[in-house]
Amino acid sequence: MSIVRVKDNILIERSVTTKTGPQIFREQRACVVMGGAYETVFNLKLGTAPVYPPGDYLIHPDSYGTDDYANLLLKRLKLIPLSSALKEFASKEPVSVVSSKVA
């Protein structure tokens, strides 16, 4: 799983004028932890959602989808606090995996 790190709660707003009038884009800077000391910075599009507080997050499963050709794609990202995701995972009953090899 990829960890998304939000380092601050600064809202970035950009306004553009379109044929239908002004449009405002709301974003927040975040980074995805690529392993080791490497982080890749990106703009997290917020839409009308509130700014995420600083911290570590996982990408919510609703953020994944497929296109018309069954290719994986990312929709607008929704984030889950890492601490909440770990607590939920820890509360699940362990699953036993048994090999069903035929001799």
N, C-alpha and C. Protein backbone atom coordinates (compact mmCIF):
# COMPACT_ATOMS: atom_id res chain seq x y z
N MET A 1 0.83 -1.18 0.00
CA MET A 1 0.00 0.00 0.00
C MET A 1 0.87 1.24 0.00
N SER A 2 0.44 2.23 -0.70
CA SER A 2 1.16 3.50 -0.75
C SER A 2 0.71 4.40 0.39
N ILE A 3 1.67 5.03 1.02
CA ILE A 3 1.36 5.99 2.08
C ILE A 3 1.41 7.39 1.49
N VAL A 4 0.35 8.15 1.72
CA VAL A 4 0.30 9.55 1.29
C VAL A 4 0.55 10.40 2.53
N ARG A 5 1.50 11.30 2.43
CA ARG A 5 1.86 12.16 3.56
C ARG A 5 1.44 13.59 3.27
N VAL A 6 0.60 14.13 4.15
CA VAL A 6 0.19 15.54 4.08
C VAL A 6 1.04 16.26 5.11
N LYS A 7 1.82 17.25 4.66
CA LYS A 7 2.77 17.90 5.56
C LYS A 7 2.25 19.18 6.18
N ASP A 8 1.24 19.81 5.57
CA ASP A 8 0.68 21.03 6.15
C ASP A 8 -0.78 21.14 5.74
N ASN A 9 -1.47 22.13 6.28
CA ASN A 9 -2.89 22.30 5.95
C ASN A 9 -3.14 23.56 5.13
N ILE A 10 -2.21 23.86 4.24
CA ILE A 10 -2.32 25.04 3.38
C ILE A 10 -3.20 24.72 2.17
N LEU A 11 -4.22 25.53 1.98
CA LEU A 11 -5.13 25.39 0.85
C LEU A 11 -4.61 26.23 -0.32
N ILE A 12 -4.53 25.63 -1.50
CA ILE A 12 -4.12 26.34 -2.71
C ILE A 12 -5.36 26.48 -3.58
N GLU A 13 -5.74 27.71 -3.88
CA GLU A 13 -6.90 27.96 -4.73
C GLU A 13 -6.44 28.65 -6.00
N ARG A 14 -6.90 28.13 -7.13
CA ARG A 14 -6.63 28.75 -8.43
C ARG A 14 -7.96 29.07 -9.07
N SER A 15 -8.05 30.24 -9.64
CA SER A 15 -9.29 30.66 -10.30
C SER A 15 -9.03 30.88 -11.78
N VAL A 16 -9.88 30.31 -12.61
CA VAL A 16 -9.79 30.52 -14.05
C VAL A 16 -11.16 30.96 -14.55
N THR A 17 -11.16 31.71 -15.63
CA THR A 17 -12.41 32.15 -16.23
C THR A 17 -12.71 31.27 -17.43
N THR A 18 -13.89 30.69 -17.44
CA THR A 18 -14.32 29.84 -18.55
C THR A 18 -15.51 30.50 -19.25
N LYS A 19 -16.03 29.87 -20.28
CA LYS A 19 -17.20 30.41 -20.98
C LYS A 19 -18.39 30.55 -20.06
N THR A 20 -18.47 29.67 -19.07
CA THR A 20 -19.62 29.70 -18.15
C THR A 20 -19.36 30.56 -16.92
N GLY A 21 -18.19 31.17 -16.83
CA GLY A 21 -17.87 32.01 -15.68
C GLY A 21 -16.64 31.51 -14.95
N PRO A 22 -16.35 32.13 -13.79
CA PRO A 22 -15.15 31.73 -13.05
C PRO A 22 -15.30 30.33 -12.45
N GLN A 23 -14.17 29.63 -12.41
CA GLN A 23 -14.13 28.31 -11.79
C GLN A 23 -12.94 28.28 -10.85
N ILE A 24 -13.15 27.75 -9.65
CA ILE A 24 -12.09 27.71 -8.64
C ILE A 24 -11.66 26.26 -8.42
N PHE A 25 -10.35 26.04 -8.48
CA PHE A 25 -9.77 24.73 -8.21
C PHE A 25 -9.13 24.79 -6.83
N ARG A 26 -9.49 23.85 -5.97
CA ARG A 26 -8.96 23.78 -4.60
C ARG A 26 -8.03 22.57 -4.51
N GLU A 27 -6.80 22.82 -4.05
CA GLU A 27 -5.79 21.76 -3.96
C GLU A 27 -5.01 21.90 -2.67
N GLN A 28 -4.32 20.81 -2.36
CA GLN A 28 -3.44 20.77 -1.21
C GLN A 28 -2.21 19.98 -1.62
N ARG A 29 -1.05 20.38 -1.15
CA ARG A 29 0.19 19.67 -1.48
C ARG A 29 0.31 18.45 -0.58
N ALA A 30 0.71 17.34 -1.19
CA ALA A 30 0.93 16.10 -0.46
C ALA A 30 2.06 15.36 -1.16
N CYS A 31 2.47 14.25 -0.61
CA CYS A 31 3.47 13.43 -1.28
C CYS A 31 3.16 11.96 -1.04
N VAL A 32 3.60 11.14 -1.96
CA VAL A 32 3.46 9.70 -1.81
C VAL A 32 4.84 9.18 -1.45
N VAL A 33 4.88 8.34 -0.42
CA VAL A 33 6.15 7.79 0.06
C VAL A 33 6.49 6.60 -0.84
N MET A 34 7.61 6.71 -1.54
CA MET A 34 7.99 5.70 -2.53
C MET A 34 8.92 4.63 -1.96
N GLY A 35 9.23 4.73 -0.69
CA GLY A 35 10.16 3.78 -0.08
C GLY A 35 11.48 4.46 0.20
N GLY A 36 12.10 4.06 1.27
CA GLY A 36 13.36 4.69 1.64
C GLY A 36 13.13 6.15 1.99
N ALA A 37 14.01 7.01 1.53
CA ALA A 37 13.92 8.43 1.84
C ALA A 37 13.23 9.22 0.74
N TYR A 38 12.65 8.53 -0.25
CA TYR A 38 12.09 9.22 -1.40
C TYR A 38 10.59 9.48 -1.25
N GLU A 39 10.22 10.71 -1.53
CA GLU A 39 8.82 11.11 -1.55
C GLU A 39 8.57 11.86 -2.85
N THR A 40 7.44 11.61 -3.48
CA THR A 40 7.08 12.30 -4.71
C THR A 40 5.93 13.25 -4.41
N VAL A 41 6.16 14.54 -4.60
CA VAL A 41 5.18 15.57 -4.28
C VAL A 41 4.15 15.66 -5.41
N PHE A 42 2.88 15.87 -5.03
CA PHE A 42 1.81 16.05 -6.01
C PHE A 42 0.74 16.96 -5.43
N ASN A 43 -0.14 17.46 -6.29
CA ASN A 43 -1.27 18.28 -5.86
C ASN A 43 -2.47 17.38 -5.63
N LEU A 44 -3.01 17.42 -4.44
CA LEU A 44 -4.18 16.64 -4.06
C LEU A 44 -5.41 17.49 -4.32
N LYS A 45 -6.20 17.11 -5.31
CA LYS A 45 -7.39 17.89 -5.66
C LYS A 45 -8.47 17.65 -4.62
N LEU A 46 -9.05 18.74 -4.09
CA LEU A 46 -10.01 18.64 -3.00
C LEU A 46 -11.46 18.79 -3.43
N GLY A 47 -11.72 19.48 -4.52
CA GLY A 47 -13.11 19.77 -4.86
C GLY A 47 -13.71 20.61 -3.75
N THR A 48 -14.83 20.17 -3.20
CA THR A 48 -15.47 20.89 -2.09
C THR A 48 -15.12 20.28 -0.73
N ALA A 49 -14.29 19.24 -0.72
CA ALA A 49 -13.91 18.58 0.53
C ALA A 49 -13.01 19.50 1.37
N PRO A 50 -13.03 19.31 2.69
CA PRO A 50 -12.15 20.12 3.55
C PRO A 50 -10.69 19.72 3.38
N VAL A 51 -9.81 20.60 3.84
CA VAL A 51 -8.37 20.35 3.81
C VAL A 51 -8.05 19.21 4.78
N TYR A 52 -7.15 18.33 4.37
CA TYR A 52 -6.71 17.24 5.25
C TYR A 52 -5.71 17.77 6.27
N PRO A 53 -5.82 17.36 7.54
CA PRO A 53 -4.81 17.75 8.52
C PRO A 53 -3.48 17.04 8.21
N PRO A 54 -2.36 17.61 8.63
CA PRO A 54 -1.08 16.95 8.41
C PRO A 54 -1.07 15.55 9.02
N GLY A 55 -0.42 14.62 8.33
CA GLY A 55 -0.32 13.25 8.83
C GLY A 55 -0.15 12.27 7.69
N ASP A 56 -0.13 10.99 8.05
CA ASP A 56 0.02 9.91 7.07
C ASP A 56 -1.34 9.28 6.80
N TYR A 57 -1.58 8.95 5.53
CA TYR A 57 -2.87 8.44 5.09
C TYR A 57 -2.67 7.27 4.12
N LEU A 58 -3.74 6.50 3.95
CA LEU A 58 -3.82 5.50 2.89
C LEU A 58 -4.86 5.97 1.89
N ILE A 59 -4.76 5.49 0.67
CA ILE A 59 -5.75 5.83 -0.36
C ILE A 59 -6.99 4.96 -0.15
N HIS A 60 -8.14 5.61 -0.05
CA HIS A 60 -9.41 4.90 0.16
C HIS A 60 -9.72 4.03 -1.06
N PRO A 61 -10.26 2.83 -0.86
CA PRO A 61 -10.59 1.95 -2.00
C PRO A 61 -11.53 2.58 -3.02
N ASP A 62 -12.39 3.51 -2.61
CA ASP A 62 -13.29 4.19 -3.56
C ASP A 62 -12.54 5.03 -4.58
N SER A 63 -11.26 5.29 -4.35
CA SER A 63 -10.47 6.12 -5.25
C SER A 63 -10.00 5.36 -6.49
N TYR A 64 -10.13 4.05 -6.48
CA TYR A 64 -9.70 3.23 -7.61
C TYR A 64 -10.89 2.88 -8.49
N GLY A 65 -10.64 2.76 -9.77
CA GLY A 65 -11.69 2.37 -10.71
C GLY A 65 -11.06 1.80 -11.96
N THR A 66 -11.90 1.52 -12.94
CA THR A 66 -11.42 1.05 -14.24
C THR A 66 -12.09 1.86 -15.34
N ASP A 67 -11.42 1.94 -16.47
CA ASP A 67 -12.01 2.63 -17.61
C ASP A 67 -12.80 1.64 -18.47
N ASP A 68 -13.23 2.08 -19.64
CA ASP A 68 -14.04 1.24 -20.52
C ASP A 68 -13.29 0.01 -21.04
N TYR A 69 -11.96 0.02 -20.92
CA TYR A 69 -11.16 -1.09 -21.42
C TYR A 69 -10.56 -1.90 -20.28
N ALA A 70 -11.11 -1.76 -19.07
CA ALA A 70 -10.68 -2.49 -17.87
C ALA A 70 -9.28 -2.13 -17.41
N ASN A 71 -8.80 -0.94 -17.77
CA ASN A 71 -7.52 -0.45 -17.26
C ASN A 71 -7.74 0.22 -15.92
N LEU A 72 -6.81 0.00 -14.99
CA LEU A 72 -6.90 0.61 -13.67
C LEU A 72 -6.70 2.12 -13.78
N LEU A 73 -7.50 2.88 -13.05
CA LEU A 73 -7.32 4.33 -13.00
C LEU A 73 -7.61 4.84 -11.60
N LEU A 74 -7.09 6.01 -11.33
CA LEU A 74 -7.35 6.68 -10.06
C LEU A 74 -8.37 7.78 -10.29
N LYS A 75 -9.40 7.79 -9.46
CA LYS A 75 -10.38 8.87 -9.50
C LYS A 75 -9.87 9.96 -8.55
N ARG A 76 -10.75 10.90 -8.19
CA ARG A 76 -10.35 11.89 -7.20
C ARG A 76 -9.99 11.14 -5.92
N LEU A 77 -8.81 11.44 -5.37
CA LEU A 77 -8.34 10.71 -4.20
C LEU A 77 -9.13 11.04 -2.95
N LYS A 78 -9.50 10.00 -2.24
CA LYS A 78 -10.03 10.13 -0.88
C LYS A 78 -8.99 9.46 0.00
N LEU A 79 -8.71 10.07 1.14
CA LEU A 79 -7.68 9.53 2.02
C LEU A 79 -8.29 9.03 3.33
N ILE A 80 -7.68 7.98 3.89
CA ILE A 80 -8.04 7.43 5.19
C ILE A 80 -6.83 7.63 6.10
N PRO A 81 -7.02 8.19 7.31
CA PRO A 81 -5.88 8.31 8.22
C PRO A 81 -5.24 6.93 8.45
N LEU A 82 -3.93 6.86 8.36
CA LEU A 82 -3.21 5.60 8.51
C LEU A 82 -3.51 4.95 9.85
N SER A 83 -3.57 5.75 10.91
CA SER A 83 -3.83 5.19 12.25
C SER A 83 -5.20 4.51 12.30
N SER A 84 -6.22 5.10 11.68
CA SER A 84 -7.56 4.50 11.66
C SER A 84 -7.56 3.21 10.85
N ALA A 85 -6.87 3.21 9.71
CA ALA A 85 -6.82 2.02 8.86
C ALA A 85 -6.12 0.88 9.58
N LEU A 86 -5.04 1.18 10.32
CA LEU A 86 -4.32 0.13 11.04
C LEU A 86 -5.16 -0.44 12.18
N LYS A 87 -5.91 0.44 12.88
CA LYS A 87 -6.78 -0.04 13.96
C LYS A 87 -7.86 -0.96 13.40
N GLU A 88 -8.45 -0.57 12.28
CA GLU A 88 -9.50 -1.38 11.66
C GLU A 88 -8.94 -2.72 11.21
N PHE A 89 -7.75 -2.71 10.62
CA PHE A 89 -7.11 -3.93 10.16
C PHE A 89 -6.79 -4.85 11.34
N ALA A 90 -6.30 -4.27 12.44
CA ALA A 90 -5.93 -5.07 13.62
C ALA A 90 -7.14 -5.69 14.28
N SER A 91 -8.31 -5.07 14.14
CA SER A 91 -9.51 -5.60 14.78
C SER A 91 -10.16 -6.74 13.99
N LYS A 92 -9.71 -6.95 12.77
CA LYS A 92 -10.26 -8.04 11.94
C LYS A 92 -9.77 -9.38 12.47
N GLU A 93 -10.62 -10.39 12.33
CA GLU A 93 -10.25 -11.74 12.74
C GLU A 93 -9.26 -12.31 11.73
N PRO A 94 -8.19 -12.95 12.21
CA PRO A 94 -7.20 -13.50 11.28
C PRO A 94 -7.82 -14.55 10.36
N VAL A 95 -7.33 -14.57 9.13
CA VAL A 95 -7.81 -15.53 8.14
C VAL A 95 -6.74 -16.59 7.96
N SER A 96 -7.13 -17.84 8.01
CA SER A 96 -6.20 -18.94 7.81
C SER A 96 -6.17 -19.29 6.33
N VAL A 97 -4.98 -19.35 5.78
CA VAL A 97 -4.82 -19.72 4.38
C VAL A 97 -4.27 -21.14 4.33
N VAL A 98 -5.01 -22.03 3.71
CA VAL A 98 -4.61 -23.43 3.63
C VAL A 98 -4.35 -23.78 2.18
N SER A 99 -3.23 -24.41 1.93
CA SER A 99 -2.89 -24.81 0.57
C SER A 99 -3.78 -25.97 0.14
N SER A 100 -4.24 -25.92 -1.08
CA SER A 100 -5.10 -26.99 -1.60
C SER A 100 -4.43 -27.71 -2.76
N LYS A 101 -3.13 -27.95 -2.62
CA LYS A 101 -2.40 -28.64 -3.69
C LYS A 101 -2.85 -30.09 -3.76
N VAL A 102 -2.99 -30.57 -4.98
CA VAL A 102 -3.37 -31.96 -5.19
C VAL A 102 -2.11 -32.77 -5.41
N ALA A 103 -1.97 -33.88 -4.69
CA ALA A 103 -0.76 -34.71 -4.79
C ALA A 103 -0.81 -35.60 -5.99
